[in-house]
Amino acid sequence: MAVLAWLLIPLFAVVGAAIWGSWVQRSKTIGDVAELAGYARFRDAMERSHPVAPDSVPLRPVPEPAPAES
C-alpha cells in the first residue's frame, strides 16, 4: 500500500502542473481589445484639427507709442 501512495504523489504533481499550465495559457484577448480601442480613440483625437487663435488679434493690448514732440 505504501508503494501506491508514493506513485500517487507524482500523479498529483502531473495533474496539478497540467491545470496550472492550462490556466497560464488561457486567452487574454479581452484586455488587448480594450487597449487597442483606447489607442484608436486617442489617435482620432490627435488627428482632429483644433481651432487656432488668429495671428492678427494680440493676446494683450499693445501700448500706443508716445507722439514725437517737435
C-alpha atoms as a PDB file:
ATOM      1  CA  MET A   1       0.000   0.000   0.000  1.00  0.00           C
ATOM      2  CA  ALA A   2       2.916   2.335   0.682  1.00  0.00           C
ATOM      3  CA  VAL A   3       4.121   1.905  -2.897  1.00  0.00           C
ATOM      4  CA  LEU A   4       0.733   3.040  -4.173  1.00  0.00           C
ATOM      5  CA  ALA A   5       0.937   6.180  -2.021  1.00  0.00           C
ATOM      6  CA  TRP A   6       4.371   7.006  -3.474  1.00  0.00           C
ATOM      7  CA  LEU A   7       3.011   6.586  -7.000  1.00  0.00           C
ATOM      8  CA  LEU A   8       0.106   8.927  -6.313  1.00  0.00           C
ATOM      9  CA  ILE A   9       2.418  11.837  -5.381  1.00  0.00           C
ATOM     10  CA  PRO A  10       3.862  12.222  -8.920  1.00  0.00           C
ATOM     11  CA  LEU A  11       0.403  11.645 -10.380  1.00  0.00           C
ATOM     12  CA  PHE A  12      -0.988  14.571  -8.351  1.00  0.00           C
ATOM     13  CA  ALA A  13       2.016  16.677  -9.353  1.00  0.00           C
ATOM     14  CA  VAL A  14       1.388  15.989 -13.060  1.00  0.00           C
ATOM     15  CA  VAL A  15      -2.318  16.780 -12.745  1.00  0.00           C
ATOM     16  CA  GLY A  16      -1.529  19.989 -10.849  1.00  0.00           C
ATOM     17  CA  ALA A  17       1.051  21.015 -13.447  1.00  0.00           C
ATOM     18  CA  ALA A  18      -1.430  20.372 -16.259  1.00  0.00           C
ATOM     19  CA  ILE A  19      -4.089  22.508 -14.562  1.00  0.00           C
ATOM     20  CA  TRP A  20      -1.605  25.301 -13.872  1.00  0.00           C
ATOM     21  CA  GLY A  21      -0.276  25.186 -17.454  1.00  0.00           C
ATOM     22  CA  SER A  22      -3.735  25.402 -18.982  1.00  0.00           C
ATOM     23  CA  TRP A  23      -4.569  28.364 -16.693  1.00  0.00           C
ATOM     24  CA  VAL A  24      -1.393  30.209 -17.681  1.00  0.00           C
ATOM     25  CA  GLN A  25      -2.027  29.693 -21.413  1.00  0.00           C
ATOM     26  CA  ARG A  26      -5.633  30.923 -21.308  1.00  0.00           C
ATOM     27  CA  SER A  27      -6.800  33.524 -23.819  1.00  0.00           C
ATOM     28  CA  LYS A  28      -6.061  37.086 -22.719  1.00  0.00           C
ATOM     29  CA  THR A  29      -7.545  38.984 -25.668  1.00  0.00           C
ATOM     30  CA  ILE A  30     -10.154  40.895 -23.634  1.00  0.00           C
ATOM     31  CA  GLY A  31      -7.626  43.391 -22.258  1.00  0.00           C
ATOM     32  CA  ASP A  32      -5.915  43.812 -25.620  1.00  0.00           C
ATOM     33  CA  VAL A  33      -9.168  44.730 -27.350  1.00  0.00           C
ATOM     34  CA  ALA A  34      -9.890  47.469 -24.807  1.00  0.00           C
ATOM     35  CA  GLU A  35      -6.359  48.852 -25.083  1.00  0.00           C
ATOM     36  CA  LEU A  36      -6.486  48.911 -28.882  1.00  0.00           C
ATOM     37  CA  ALA A  37      -9.854  50.685 -28.831  1.00  0.00           C
ATOM     38  CA  GLY A  38      -8.457  53.287 -26.439  1.00  0.00           C
ATOM     39  CA  TYR A  39      -5.453  53.823 -28.687  1.00  0.00           C
ATOM     40  CA  ALA A  40      -7.728  54.273 -31.717  1.00  0.00           C
ATOM     41  CA  ARG A  41      -9.744  56.930 -29.844  1.00  0.00           C
ATOM     42  CA  PHE A  42      -6.510  58.694 -28.853  1.00  0.00           C
ATOM     43  CA  ARG A  43      -5.232  58.658 -32.441  1.00  0.00           C
ATOM     44  CA  ASP A  44      -8.541  60.045 -33.755  1.00  0.00           C
ATOM     45  CA  ALA A  45      -8.465  62.851 -31.200  1.00  0.00           C
ATOM     46  CA  MET A  46      -4.917  63.793 -32.164  1.00  0.00           C
ATOM     47  CA  GLU A  47      -5.769  63.880 -35.882  1.00  0.00           C
ATOM     48  CA  ARG A  48      -8.703  66.300 -35.423  1.00  0.00           C
ATOM     49  CA  SER A  49      -7.999  69.895 -36.312  1.00  0.00           C
ATOM     50  CA  HIS A  50      -8.121  72.229 -33.356  1.00  0.00           C
ATOM     51  CA  PRO A  51      -9.155  75.879 -33.657  1.00  0.00           C
ATOM     52  CA  VAL A  52      -6.187  78.218 -33.710  1.00  0.00           C
ATOM     53  CA  ALA A  53      -6.289  81.807 -32.481  1.00  0.00           C
ATOM     54  CA  PRO A  54      -5.870  84.275 -35.363  1.00  0.00           C
ATOM     55  CA  ASP A  55      -2.462  85.929 -35.538  1.00  0.00           C
ATOM     56  CA  SER A  56      -3.889  89.417 -36.018  1.00  0.00           C
ATOM     57  CA  VAL A  57      -5.504  89.538 -32.571  1.00  0.00           C
ATOM     58  CA  PRO A  58      -2.917  90.160 -29.838  1.00  0.00           C
ATOM     59  CA  LEU A  59      -3.320  88.308 -26.562  1.00  0.00           C
ATOM     60  CA  ARG A  60      -2.821  91.530 -24.559  1.00  0.00           C
ATOM     61  CA  PRO A  61      -3.142  95.152 -25.595  1.00  0.00           C
ATOM     62  CA  VAL A  62      -0.104  96.737 -27.157  1.00  0.00           C
ATOM     63  CA  PRO A  63       0.635 100.247 -25.776  1.00  0.00           C
ATOM     64  CA  GLU A  64       0.451 103.112 -28.263  1.00  0.00           C
ATOM     65  CA  PRO A  65       3.791 104.751 -28.992  1.00  0.00           C
ATOM     66  CA  ALA A  66       4.152 108.234 -27.497  1.00  0.00           C
ATOM     67  CA  PRO A  67       3.795 111.024 -30.070  1.00  0.00           C
ATOM     68  CA  ALA A  68       7.065 112.595 -31.095  1.00  0.00           C
ATOM     69  CA  GLU A  69       7.467 116.122 -29.756  1.00  0.00           C
ATOM     70  CA  SER A  70       8.912 118.792 -32.037  1.00  0.00           C
END
